[in-house]
């Protein structure tokens, strides 16, 4: 569930970067609060999106 939300936020952030900057910050906070395995998956997702 959270992964799909993160992907949606990232897609929005790419379209409207300035307005979604705060949401990206929240996403990074979410990712940093996850276990290490999920953190790596998140980083791979983010790198794949950009």
Protein backbone atom coordinates (compact mmCIF):
# COMPACT_ATOMS: atom_id res chain seq x y z
CA UNK A 1 0.00 0.00 0.00
CA UNK A 2 2.62 2.53 1.06
CA UNK A 3 4.81 1.71 -1.94
CA UNK A 4 2.05 2.61 -4.40
CA UNK A 5 1.40 5.84 -2.50
CA UNK A 6 5.10 6.68 -2.69
CA UNK A 7 5.17 6.00 -6.43
CA UNK A 8 2.16 8.26 -6.95
CA UNK A 9 3.80 11.01 -4.91
CA UNK A 10 7.00 10.68 -6.93
CA UNK A 11 5.09 10.89 -10.22
CA UNK A 12 3.33 14.03 -8.99
CA UNK A 13 6.64 15.47 -7.82
CA UNK A 14 8.12 15.01 -11.28
CA UNK A 15 5.18 16.88 -12.85
CA UNK A 16 4.92 19.72 -10.34
CA UNK A 17 8.31 19.73 -8.66
CA UNK A 18 8.05 22.90 -6.60
CA UNK A 19 4.56 22.23 -5.23
CA UNK A 20 5.35 18.61 -4.38
CA UNK A 21 8.73 19.21 -2.75
CA UNK A 22 7.21 18.89 0.72
CA UNK A 23 5.61 15.57 -0.20
CA UNK A 24 8.98 14.33 -1.44
CA UNK A 25 10.47 15.28 1.92
CA UNK A 26 7.73 13.28 3.64
CA UNK A 27 8.48 10.35 1.35
CA UNK A 28 12.16 10.42 2.28
CA UNK A 29 11.22 10.54 5.97
CA UNK A 30 8.96 7.52 5.40
CA UNK A 31 11.76 5.67 3.62
CA UNK A 32 14.26 6.42 6.38
CA UNK A 33 11.86 5.05 9.01
CA UNK A 34 11.56 1.71 7.17
CA UNK A 35 13.73 -1.37 7.78
CA UNK A 36 16.95 -1.56 5.78
CA UNK A 37 15.64 -3.99 3.16
CA UNK A 38 12.71 -1.75 2.34
CA UNK A 39 15.00 1.29 2.32
CA UNK A 40 17.07 -0.29 -0.45
CA UNK A 41 13.92 -1.07 -2.44
CA UNK A 42 12.77 2.53 -2.02
CA UNK A 43 16.12 3.89 -3.22
CA UNK A 44 15.99 1.64 -6.28
CA UNK A 45 12.44 2.79 -7.03
CA UNK A 46 13.37 6.45 -6.66
CA UNK A 47 16.46 6.06 -8.85
CA UNK A 48 14.39 4.25 -11.47
CA UNK A 49 11.80 7.04 -11.53
CA UNK A 50 14.27 9.91 -11.99
